[in-house]
PDB file of all heavy atoms in Angstrom:
ATOM      1  N   ALA A   1      17.638 -20.490  -8.491  1.00  0.00           N
ATOM      2  CA  ALA A   1      17.594 -20.573  -7.033  1.00  0.00           C
ATOM      3  C   ALA A   1      18.565 -19.595  -6.368  1.00  0.00           C
ATOM      4  O   ALA A   1      18.158 -18.821  -5.487  1.00  0.00           O
ATOM      5  CB  ALA A   1      17.856 -22.007  -6.579  1.00  0.00           C
ATOM      6  N   PRO A   2      19.850 -19.583  -6.744  1.00  0.00           N
ATOM      7  CA  PRO A   2      20.753 -18.599  -6.109  1.00  0.00           C
ATOM      8  C   PRO A   2      20.423 -17.154  -6.490  1.00  0.00           C
ATOM      9  O   PRO A   2      20.587 -16.249  -5.653  1.00  0.00           O
ATOM     10  CB  PRO A   2      22.137 -19.005  -6.605  1.00  0.00           C
ATOM     11  CG  PRO A   2      21.910 -19.800  -7.832  1.00  0.00           C
ATOM     12  CD  PRO A   2      20.603 -20.503  -7.632  1.00  0.00           C
ATOM     13  N   LEU A   3      19.953 -16.935  -7.714  1.00  0.00           N
ATOM     14  CA  LEU A   3      19.594 -15.576  -8.111  1.00  0.00           C
ATOM     15  C   LEU A   3      18.392 -15.081  -7.312  1.00  0.00           C
ATOM     16  O   LEU A   3      18.355 -13.934  -6.857  1.00  0.00           O
ATOM     17  CB  LEU A   3      19.303 -15.516  -9.613  1.00  0.00           C
ATOM     18  CG  LEU A   3      19.025 -14.129 -10.191  1.00  0.00           C
ATOM     19  CD1 LEU A   3      20.194 -13.185  -9.958  1.00  0.00           C
ATOM     20  CD2 LEU A   3      18.712 -14.237 -11.684  1.00  0.00           C
ATOM     21  N   TYR A   4      17.418 -15.966  -7.120  1.00  0.00           N
ATOM     22  CA  TYR A   4      16.258 -15.621  -6.288  1.00  0.00           C
ATOM     23  C   TYR A   4      16.701 -15.364  -4.840  1.00  0.00           C
ATOM     24  O   TYR A   4      16.249 -14.401  -4.201  1.00  0.00           O
ATOM     25  CB  TYR A   4      15.240 -16.755  -6.350  1.00  0.00           C
ATOM     26  CG  TYR A   4      14.046 -16.582  -5.417  1.00  0.00           C
ATOM     27  CD1 TYR A   4      13.250 -15.448  -5.486  1.00  0.00           C
ATOM     28  CD2 TYR A   4      13.731 -17.573  -4.492  1.00  0.00           C
ATOM     29  CE1 TYR A   4      12.138 -15.299  -4.644  1.00  0.00           C
ATOM     30  CE2 TYR A   4      12.646 -17.431  -3.656  1.00  0.00           C
ATOM     31  CZ  TYR A   4      11.846 -16.300  -3.726  1.00  0.00           C
ATOM     32  OH  TYR A   4      10.774 -16.153  -2.884  1.00  0.00           O
ATOM     33  N   ALA A   5      17.581 -16.199  -4.321  1.00  0.00           N
ATOM     34  CA  ALA A   5      18.073 -16.023  -2.954  1.00  0.00           C
ATOM     35  C   ALA A   5      18.775 -14.670  -2.792  1.00  0.00           C
ATOM     36  O   ALA A   5      18.646 -14.003  -1.752  1.00  0.00           O
ATOM     37  CB  ALA A   5      19.020 -17.161  -2.574  1.00  0.00           C
ATOM     38  N   ALA A   6      19.504 -14.247  -3.820  1.00  0.00           N
ATOM     39  CA  ALA A   6      20.149 -12.937  -3.781  1.00  0.00           C
ATOM     40  C   ALA A   6      19.106 -11.832  -3.639  1.00  0.00           C
ATOM     41  O   ALA A   6      19.253 -10.905  -2.832  1.00  0.00           O
ATOM     42  CB  ALA A   6      20.996 -12.726  -5.042  1.00  0.00           C
ATOM     43  N   GLY A   7      18.036 -11.930  -4.435  1.00  0.00           N
ATOM     44  CA  GLY A   7      16.976 -10.931  -4.368  1.00  0.00           C
ATOM     45  C   GLY A   7      16.255 -10.931  -3.030  1.00  0.00           C
ATOM     46  O   GLY A   7      15.876  -9.870  -2.509  1.00  0.00           O
ATOM     47  N   VAL A   8      16.087 -12.109  -2.456  1.00  0.00           N
ATOM     48  CA  VAL A   8      15.438 -12.208  -1.141  1.00  0.00           C
ATOM     49  C   VAL A   8      16.281 -11.496  -0.082  1.00  0.00           C
ATOM     50  O   VAL A   8      15.748 -10.703   0.720  1.00  0.00           O
ATOM     51  CB  VAL A   8      15.231 -13.693  -0.754  1.00  0.00           C
ATOM     52  CG1 VAL A   8      14.772 -13.806   0.711  1.00  0.00           C
ATOM     53  CG2 VAL A   8      14.202 -14.346  -1.668  1.00  0.00           C
ATOM     54  N   CYS A   9      17.578 -11.756  -0.076  1.00  0.00           N
ATOM     55  CA  CYS A   9      18.455 -11.096   0.898  1.00  0.00           C
ATOM     56  C   CYS A   9      18.438  -9.576   0.727  1.00  0.00           C
ATOM     57  O   CYS A   9      18.421  -8.821   1.713  1.00  0.00           O
ATOM     58  CB  CYS A   9      19.890 -11.613   0.750  1.00  0.00           C
ATOM     59  SG  CYS A   9      20.129 -13.328   1.267  1.00  0.00           S
ATOM     60  N   TRP A  10      18.476  -9.132  -0.527  1.00  0.00           N
ATOM     61  CA  TRP A  10      18.467  -7.697  -0.806  1.00  0.00           C
ATOM     62  C   TRP A  10      17.199  -7.043  -0.287  1.00  0.00           C
ATOM     63  O   TRP A  10      17.248  -6.056   0.459  1.00  0.00           O
ATOM     64  CB  TRP A  10      18.606  -7.485  -2.318  1.00  0.00           C
ATOM     65  CG  TRP A  10      18.460  -6.078  -2.777  1.00  0.00           C
ATOM     66  CD1 TRP A  10      19.201  -5.002  -2.387  1.00  0.00           C
ATOM     67  CD2 TRP A  10      17.497  -5.581  -3.733  1.00  0.00           C
ATOM     68  NE1 TRP A  10      18.765  -3.851  -3.035  1.00  0.00           N
ATOM     69  CE2 TRP A  10      17.740  -4.196  -3.877  1.00  0.00           C
ATOM     70  CE3 TRP A  10      16.493  -6.173  -4.487  1.00  0.00           C
ATOM     71  CZ2 TRP A  10      16.983  -3.395  -4.738  1.00  0.00           C
ATOM     72  CZ3 TRP A  10      15.759  -5.376  -5.356  1.00  0.00           C
ATOM     73  CH2 TRP A  10      15.993  -4.004  -5.474  1.00  0.00           C
ATOM     74  N   ALA A  11      16.032  -7.572  -0.648  1.00  0.00           N
ATOM     75  CA  ALA A  11      14.760  -6.959  -0.247  1.00  0.00           C
ATOM     76  C   ALA A  11      14.521  -7.086   1.256  1.00  0.00           C
ATOM     77  O   ALA A  11      13.989  -6.171   1.897  1.00  0.00           O
ATOM     78  CB  ALA A  11      13.612  -7.602  -1.027  1.00  0.00           C
ATOM     79  N   PHE A  12      14.917  -8.207   1.840  1.00  0.00           N
ATOM     80  CA  PHE A  12      14.818  -8.405   3.282  1.00  0.00           C
ATOM     81  C   PHE A  12      15.571  -7.286   4.004  1.00  0.00           C
ATOM     82  O   PHE A  12      15.078  -6.669   4.945  1.00  0.00           O
ATOM     83  CB  PHE A  12      15.399  -9.785   3.618  1.00  0.00           C
ATOM     84  CG  PHE A  12      15.158 -10.283   5.019  1.00  0.00           C
ATOM     85  CD1 PHE A  12      15.638 -11.516   5.411  1.00  0.00           C
ATOM     86  CD2 PHE A  12      14.457  -9.526   5.968  1.00  0.00           C
ATOM     87  CE1 PHE A  12      15.436 -12.004   6.690  1.00  0.00           C
ATOM     88  CE2 PHE A  12      14.244  -9.997   7.251  1.00  0.00           C
ATOM     89  CZ  PHE A  12      14.748 -11.222   7.618  1.00  0.00           C
ATOM     90  N   GLY A  13      16.775  -6.997   3.526  1.00  0.00           N
ATOM     91  CA  GLY A  13      17.597  -5.977   4.162  1.00  0.00           C
ATOM     92  C   GLY A  13      17.027  -4.573   4.027  1.00  0.00           C
ATOM     93  O   GLY A  13      16.936  -3.844   5.026  1.00  0.00           O
ATOM     94  N   TYR A  14      16.643  -4.182   2.827  1.00  0.00           N
ATOM     95  CA  TYR A  14      16.160  -2.802   2.687  1.00  0.00           C
ATOM     96  C   TYR A  14      14.826  -2.595   3.394  1.00  0.00           C
ATOM     97  O   TYR A  14      14.523  -1.482   3.843  1.00  0.00           O
ATOM     98  CB  TYR A  14      16.143  -2.346   1.227  1.00  0.00           C
ATOM     99  CG  TYR A  14      15.111  -2.949   0.293  1.00  0.00           C
ATOM    100  CD1 TYR A  14      13.744  -2.818   0.509  1.00  0.00           C
ATOM    101  CD2 TYR A  14      15.521  -3.572  -0.892  1.00  0.00           C
ATOM    102  CE1 TYR A  14      12.812  -3.326  -0.392  1.00  0.00           C
ATOM    103  CE2 TYR A  14      14.603  -4.092  -1.786  1.00  0.00           C
ATOM    104  CZ  TYR A  14      13.246  -3.961  -1.534  1.00  0.00           C
ATOM    105  OH  TYR A  14      12.322  -4.457  -2.427  1.00  0.00           O
ATOM    106  N   ASP A  15      14.020  -3.641   3.529  1.00  0.00           N
ATOM    107  CA  ASP A  15      12.763  -3.459   4.240  1.00  0.00           C
ATOM    108  C   ASP A  15      12.965  -3.306   5.743  1.00  0.00           C
ATOM    109  O   ASP A  15      12.166  -2.644   6.418  1.00  0.00           O
ATOM    110  CB  ASP A  15      11.801  -4.618   3.951  1.00  0.00           C
ATOM    111  CG  ASP A  15      10.380  -4.285   4.375  1.00  0.00           C
ATOM    112  OD1 ASP A  15       9.810  -3.316   3.818  1.00  0.00           O
ATOM    113  OD2 ASP A  15       9.831  -4.973   5.262  1.00  0.00           O
ATOM    114  N   ILE A  16      14.003  -3.918   6.282  1.00  0.00           N
ATOM    115  CA  ILE A  16      14.317  -3.705   7.688  1.00  0.00           C
ATOM    116  C   ILE A  16      14.692  -2.243   7.928  1.00  0.00           C
ATOM    117  O   ILE A  16      14.229  -1.607   8.892  1.00  0.00           O
ATOM    118  CB  ILE A  16      15.471  -4.630   8.136  1.00  0.00           C
ATOM    119  CG1 ILE A  16      14.998  -6.086   8.155  1.00  0.00           C
ATOM    120  CG2 ILE A  16      15.988  -4.230   9.517  1.00  0.00           C
ATOM    121  CD1 ILE A  16      16.113  -7.086   8.428  1.00  0.00           C
ATOM    122  N   ILE A  17      15.517  -1.679   7.055  1.00  0.00           N
ATOM    123  CA  ILE A  17      15.870  -0.263   7.176  1.00  0.00           C
ATOM    124  C   ILE A  17      14.611   0.593   7.097  1.00  0.00           C
ATOM    125  O   ILE A  17      14.421   1.538   7.870  1.00  0.00           O
ATOM    126  CB  ILE A  17      16.887   0.136   6.079  1.00  0.00           C
ATOM    127  CG1 ILE A  17      18.205  -0.609   6.291  1.00  0.00           C
ATOM    128  CG2 ILE A  17      17.119   1.631   6.072  1.00  0.00           C
ATOM    129  CD1 ILE A  17      19.220  -0.402   5.189  1.00  0.00           C
ATOM    130  N   TYR A  18      13.738   0.274   6.162  1.00  0.00           N
ATOM    131  CA  TYR A  18      12.471   0.993   6.010  1.00  0.00           C
ATOM    132  C   TYR A  18      11.637   0.928   7.292  1.00  0.00           C
ATOM    133  O   TYR A  18      11.055   1.907   7.719  1.00  0.00           O
ATOM    134  CB  TYR A  18      11.696   0.386   4.827  1.00  0.00           C
ATOM    135  CG  TYR A  18      10.394   1.046   4.506  1.00  0.00           C
ATOM    136  CD1 TYR A  18      10.358   2.217   3.759  1.00  0.00           C
ATOM    137  CD2 TYR A  18       9.177   0.496   4.900  1.00  0.00           C
ATOM    138  CE1 TYR A  18       9.158   2.828   3.426  1.00  0.00           C
ATOM    139  CE2 TYR A  18       7.967   1.088   4.585  1.00  0.00           C
ATOM    140  CZ  TYR A  18       7.965   2.257   3.843  1.00  0.00           C
ATOM    141  OH  TYR A  18       6.776   2.851   3.523  1.00  0.00           O
ATOM    142  N   ALA A  19      11.604  -0.255   7.915  1.00  0.00           N
ATOM    143  CA  ALA A  19      10.775  -0.462   9.098  1.00  0.00           C
ATOM    144  C   ALA A  19      11.251   0.355  10.293  1.00  0.00           C
ATOM    145  O   ALA A  19      10.445   0.695  11.173  1.00  0.00           O
ATOM    146  CB  ALA A  19      10.747  -1.950   9.461  1.00  0.00           C
ATOM    147  N   PHE A  20      12.539   0.682  10.345  1.00  0.00           N
ATOM    148  CA  PHE A  20      13.056   1.459  11.462  1.00  0.00           C
ATOM    149  C   PHE A  20      12.475   2.877  11.508  1.00  0.00           C
ATOM    150  O   PHE A  20      12.556   3.532  12.551  1.00  0.00           O
ATOM    151  CB  PHE A  20      14.595   1.501  11.422  1.00  0.00           C
ATOM    152  CG  PHE A  20      15.237   0.428  12.249  1.00  0.00           C
ATOM    153  CD1 PHE A  20      15.557  -0.800  11.678  1.00  0.00           C
ATOM    154  CD2 PHE A  20      15.524   0.630  13.590  1.00  0.00           C
ATOM    155  CE1 PHE A  20      16.148  -1.811  12.439  1.00  0.00           C
ATOM    156  CE2 PHE A  20      16.110  -0.372  14.359  1.00  0.00           C
ATOM    157  CZ  PHE A  20      16.422  -1.586  13.786  1.00  0.00           C
ATOM    158  N   GLN A  21      11.898   3.345  10.406  1.00  0.00           N
ATOM    159  CA  GLN A  21      11.247   4.658  10.419  1.00  0.00           C
ATOM    160  C   GLN A  21      10.121   4.734  11.444  1.00  0.00           C
ATOM    161  O   GLN A  21       9.884   5.780  12.038  1.00  0.00           O
ATOM    162  CB  GLN A  21      10.631   4.959   9.052  1.00  0.00           C
ATOM    163  CG  GLN A  21      11.574   5.131   7.915  1.00  0.00           C
ATOM    164  CD  GLN A  21      10.804   5.385   6.635  1.00  0.00           C
ATOM    165  OE1 GLN A  21      10.645   6.532   6.215  1.00  0.00           O
ATOM    166  NE2 GLN A  21      10.307   4.334   6.025  1.00  0.00           N
ATOM    167  N   ASP A  22       9.407   3.619  11.607  1.00  0.00           N
ATOM    168  CA  ASP A  22       8.164   3.633  12.369  1.00  0.00           C
ATOM    169  C   ASP A  22       8.258   2.897  13.698  1.00  0.00           C
ATOM    170  O   ASP A  22       7.244   2.561  14.303  1.00  0.00           O
ATOM    171  CB  ASP A  22       7.048   2.993  11.526  1.00  0.00           C
ATOM    172  CG  ASP A  22       6.843   3.707  10.208  1.00  0.00           C
ATOM    173  OD1 ASP A  22       6.988   4.937  10.151  1.00  0.00           O
ATOM    174  OD2 ASP A  22       6.538   3.017   9.208  1.00  0.00           O
ATOM    175  N   LYS A  23       9.477   2.647  14.189  1.00  0.00           N
ATOM    176  CA  LYS A  23       9.612   1.795  15.360  1.00  0.00           C
ATOM    177  C   LYS A  23       8.960   2.382  16.604  1.00  0.00           C
ATOM    178  O   LYS A  23       8.606   1.651  17.524  1.00  0.00           O
ATOM    179  CB  LYS A  23      11.077   1.477  15.617  1.00  0.00           C
ATOM    180  CG  LYS A  23      11.905   2.680  16.054  1.00  0.00           C
ATOM    181  CD  LYS A  23      13.325   2.237  16.396  1.00  0.00           C
ATOM    182  CE  LYS A  23      14.138   3.401  16.939  1.00  0.00           C
ATOM    183  NZ  LYS A  23      15.476   2.961  17.377  1.00  0.00           N
ATOM    184  N   HIS A  24       8.800   3.711  16.665  1.00  0.00           N
ATOM    185  CA  HIS A  24       8.169   4.322  17.836  1.00  0.00           C
ATOM    186  C   HIS A  24       6.639   4.270  17.753  1.00  0.00           C
ATOM    187  O   HIS A  24       5.967   4.223  18.784  1.00  0.00           O
ATOM    188  CB  HIS A  24       8.644   5.760  17.988  1.00  0.00           C
ATOM    189  CG  HIS A  24      10.115   5.898  18.237  1.00  0.00           C
ATOM    190  ND1 HIS A  24      10.737   5.336  19.335  1.00  0.00           N
ATOM    191  CD2 HIS A  24      11.100   6.491  17.509  1.00  0.00           C
ATOM    192  CE1 HIS A  24      12.039   5.599  19.295  1.00  0.00           C
ATOM    193  NE2 HIS A  24      12.292   6.287  18.193  1.00  0.00           N
ATOM    194  N   ASP A  25       6.094   4.294  16.538  1.00  0.00           N
ATOM    195  CA  ASP A  25       4.638   4.278  16.359  1.00  0.00           C
ATOM    196  C   ASP A  25       4.063   2.877  16.232  1.00  0.00           C
ATOM    197  O   ASP A  25       2.899   2.647  16.557  1.00  0.00           O
ATOM    198  CB  ASP A  25       4.250   5.083  15.101  1.00  0.00           C
ATOM    199  CG  ASP A  25       4.492   6.582  15.277  1.00  0.00           C
ATOM    200  OD1 ASP A  25       4.493   7.039  16.430  1.00  0.00           O
ATOM    201  OD2 ASP A  25       4.698   7.265  14.254  1.00  0.00           O
ATOM    202  N   ASP A  26       4.856   1.931  15.753  1.00  0.00           N
ATOM    203  CA  ASP A  26       4.339   0.590  15.461  1.00  0.00           C
ATOM    204  C   ASP A  26       3.729  -0.116  16.674  1.00  0.00           C
ATOM    205  O   ASP A  26       2.676  -0.758  16.535  1.00  0.00           O
ATOM    206  CB  ASP A  26       5.436  -0.272  14.836  1.00  0.00           C
ATOM    207  CG  ASP A  26       5.639   0.033  13.351  1.00  0.00           C
ATOM    208  OD1 ASP A  26       4.775   0.712  12.777  1.00  0.00           O
ATOM    209  OD2 ASP A  26       6.654  -0.427  12.778  1.00  0.00           O
ATOM    210  N   PRO A  27       4.342  -0.061  17.844  1.00  0.00           N
ATOM    211  CA  PRO A  27       3.733  -0.787  18.977  1.00  0.00           C
ATOM    212  C   PRO A  27       2.313  -0.347  19.302  1.00  0.00           C
ATOM    213  O   PRO A  27       1.436  -1.182  19.534  1.00  0.00           O
ATOM    214  CB  PRO A  27       4.691  -0.482  20.130  1.00  0.00           C
ATOM    215  CG  PRO A  27       6.008  -0.224  19.462  1.00  0.00           C
ATOM    216  CD  PRO A  27       5.651   0.491  18.195  1.00  0.00           C
ATOM    217  N   GLN A  28       2.063   0.962  19.305  1.00  0.00           N
ATOM    218  CA  GLN A  28       0.722   1.426  19.624  1.00  0.00           C
ATOM    219  C   GLN A  28      -0.269   1.153  18.492  1.00  0.00           C
ATOM    220  O   GLN A  28      -1.470   1.084  18.717  1.00  0.00           O
ATOM    221  CB  GLN A  28       0.729   2.928  19.932  1.00  0.00           C
ATOM    222  CG  GLN A  28       1.040   3.831  18.746  1.00  0.00           C
ATOM    223  CD  GLN A  28       0.946   5.313  19.098  1.00  0.00           C
ATOM    224  OE1 GLN A  28       0.793   5.663  20.269  1.00  0.00           O
ATOM    225  NE2 GLN A  28       1.040   6.166  18.098  1.00  0.00           N
ATOM    226  N   ALA A  29       0.261   0.965  17.273  1.00  0.00           N
ATOM    227  CA  ALA A  29      -0.603   0.645  16.138  1.00  0.00           C
ATOM    228  C   ALA A  29      -0.855  -0.844  16.019  1.00  0.00           C
ATOM    229  O   ALA A  29      -1.641  -1.292  15.181  1.00  0.00           O
ATOM    230  CB  ALA A  29       0.005   1.171  14.842  1.00  0.00           C
ATOM    231  N   GLY A  30      -0.182  -1.641  16.852  1.00  0.00           N
ATOM    232  CA  GLY A  30      -0.345  -3.094  16.788  1.00  0.00           C
ATOM    233  C   GLY A  30       0.426  -3.737  15.664  1.00  0.00           C
ATOM    234  O   GLY A  30       0.126  -4.863  15.251  1.00  0.00           O
ATOM    235  N   VAL A  31       1.452  -3.038  15.159  1.00  0.00           N
ATOM    236  CA  VAL A  31       2.257  -3.559  14.057  1.00  0.00           C
ATOM    237  C   VAL A  31       3.462  -4.306  14.608  1.00  0.00           C
ATOM    238  O   VAL A  31       4.194  -3.786  15.465  1.00  0.00           O
ATOM    239  CB  VAL A  31       2.746  -2.414  13.143  1.00  0.00           C
ATOM    240  CG1 VAL A  31       3.695  -2.947  12.068  1.00  0.00           C
ATOM    241  CG2 VAL A  31       1.570  -1.704  12.486  1.00  0.00           C
ATOM    242  N   LYS A  32       3.664  -5.504  14.128  1.00  0.00           N
ATOM    243  CA  LYS A  32       4.845  -6.288  14.473  1.00  0.00           C
ATOM    244  C   LYS A  32       5.837  -6.153  13.319  1.00  0.00           C
ATOM    245  O   LYS A  32       5.619  -6.678  12.238  1.00  0.00           O
ATOM    246  CB  LYS A  32       4.465  -7.752  14.687  1.00  0.00           C
ATOM    247  CG  LYS A  32       3.572  -7.993  15.896  1.00  0.00           C
ATOM    248  CD  LYS A  32       3.228  -9.475  16.011  1.00  0.00           C
ATOM    249  CE  LYS A  32       2.527  -9.791  17.321  1.00  0.00           C
ATOM    250  NZ  LYS A  32       1.220  -9.135  17.419  1.00  0.00           N
ATOM    251  N   SER A  33       6.911  -5.427  13.547  1.00  0.00           N
ATOM    252  CA  SER A  33       7.896  -5.231  12.482  1.00  0.00           C
ATOM    253  C   SER A  33       9.218  -5.845  12.876  1.00  0.00           C
ATOM    254  O   SER A  33       9.532  -6.014  14.068  1.00  0.00           O
ATOM    255  CB  SER A  33       8.082  -3.745  12.186  1.00  0.00           C
ATOM    256  OG  SER A  33       8.946  -3.140  13.132  1.00  0.00           O
ATOM    257  N   THR A  34      10.027  -6.174  11.887  1.00  0.00           N
ATOM    258  CA  THR A  34      11.333  -6.772  12.138  1.00  0.00           C
ATOM    259  C   THR A  34      12.243  -5.786  12.866  1.00  0.00           C
ATOM    260  O   THR A  34      13.105  -6.190  13.639  1.00  0.00           O
ATOM    261  CB  THR A  34      11.974  -7.216  10.808  1.00  0.00           C
ATOM    262  OG1 THR A  34      11.033  -8.015  10.086  1.00  0.00           O
ATOM    263  CG2 THR A  34      13.219  -8.036  11.042  1.00  0.00           C
ATOM    264  N   ALA A  35      12.027  -4.486  12.650  1.00  0.00           N
ATOM    265  CA  ALA A  35      12.823  -3.483  13.347  1.00  0.00           C
ATOM    266  C   ALA A  35      12.649  -3.585  14.858  1.00  0.00           C
ATOM    267  O   ALA A  35      13.600  -3.378  15.622  1.00  0.00           O
ATOM    268  CB  ALA A  35      12.431  -2.080  12.866  1.00  0.00           C
ATOM    269  N   LEU A  36      11.461  -3.908  15.318  1.00  0.00           N
ATOM    270  CA  LEU A  36      11.204  -3.991  16.751  1.00  0.00           C
ATOM    271  C   LEU A  36      11.957  -5.137  17.401  1.00  0.00           C
ATOM    272  O   LEU A  36      12.441  -5.014  18.527  1.00  0.00           O
ATOM    273  CB  LEU A  36       9.697  -4.144  17.010  1.00  0.00           C
ATOM    274  CG  LEU A  36       8.823  -2.961  16.579  1.00  0.00           C
ATOM    275  CD1 LEU A  36       7.353  -3.271  16.841  1.00  0.00           C
ATOM    276  CD2 LEU A  36       9.237  -1.685  17.311  1.00  0.00           C
ATOM    277  N   ILE A  37      12.058  -6.252  16.712  1.00  0.00           N
ATOM    278  CA  ILE A  37      12.744  -7.405  17.308  1.00  0.00           C
ATOM    279  C   ILE A  37      14.263  -7.281  17.194  1.00  0.00           C
ATOM    280  O   ILE A  37      15.011  -7.868  17.991  1.00  0.00           O
ATOM    281  CB  ILE A  37      12.245  -8.713  16.661  1.00  0.00           C
ATOM    282  CG1 ILE A  37      12.511  -9.891  17.603  1.00  0.00           C
ATOM    283  CG2 ILE A  37      12.884  -8.969  15.315  1.00  0.00           C
ATOM    284  CD1 ILE A  37      11.805 -11.167  17.192  1.00  0.00           C
ATOM    285  N   LEU A  38      14.753  -6.471  16.244  1.00  0.00           N
ATOM    286  CA  LEU A  38      16.188  -6.315  16.065  1.00  0.00           C
ATOM    287  C   LEU A  38      16.753  -5.086  16.763  1.00  0.00           C
ATOM    288  O   LEU A  38      17.983  -4.951  16.877  1.00  0.00           O
ATOM    289  CB  LEU A  38      16.529  -6.212  14.570  1.00  0.00           C
ATOM    290  CG  LEU A  38      16.327  -7.463  13.706  1.00  0.00           C
ATOM    291  CD1 LEU A  38      16.651  -7.164  12.257  1.00  0.00           C
ATOM    292  CD2 LEU A  38      17.176  -8.615  14.203  1.00  0.00           C
ATOM    293  N   GLU A  39      15.883  -4.200  17.217  1.00  0.00           N
ATOM    294  CA  GLU A  39      16.321  -2.886  17.711  1.00  0.00           C
ATOM    295  C   GLU A  39      17.455  -2.980  18.723  1.00  0.00           C
ATOM    296  O   GLU A  39      18.427  -2.227  18.640  1.00  0.00           O
ATOM    297  CB  GLU A  39      15.118  -2.162  18.330  1.00  0.00           C
ATOM    298  CG  GLU A  39      15.465  -0.772  18.844  1.00  0.00           C
ATOM    299  CD  GLU A  39      14.254  -0.066  19.420  1.00  0.00           C
ATOM    300  OE1 GLU A  39      13.185  -0.698  19.537  1.00  0.00           O
ATOM    301  OE2 GLU A  39      14.399   1.116  19.761  1.00  0.00           O
TER     302      GLU A  39
END
């Protein structure tokens, strides 16, 4: 359980960074990304 939780936090974080690449294009594409809500 804690090892899985560690992996969840890690992947959650790097995918947010990844999502910031597309924050300008995502709204017109209809994509809801975590980067948009955290910007």
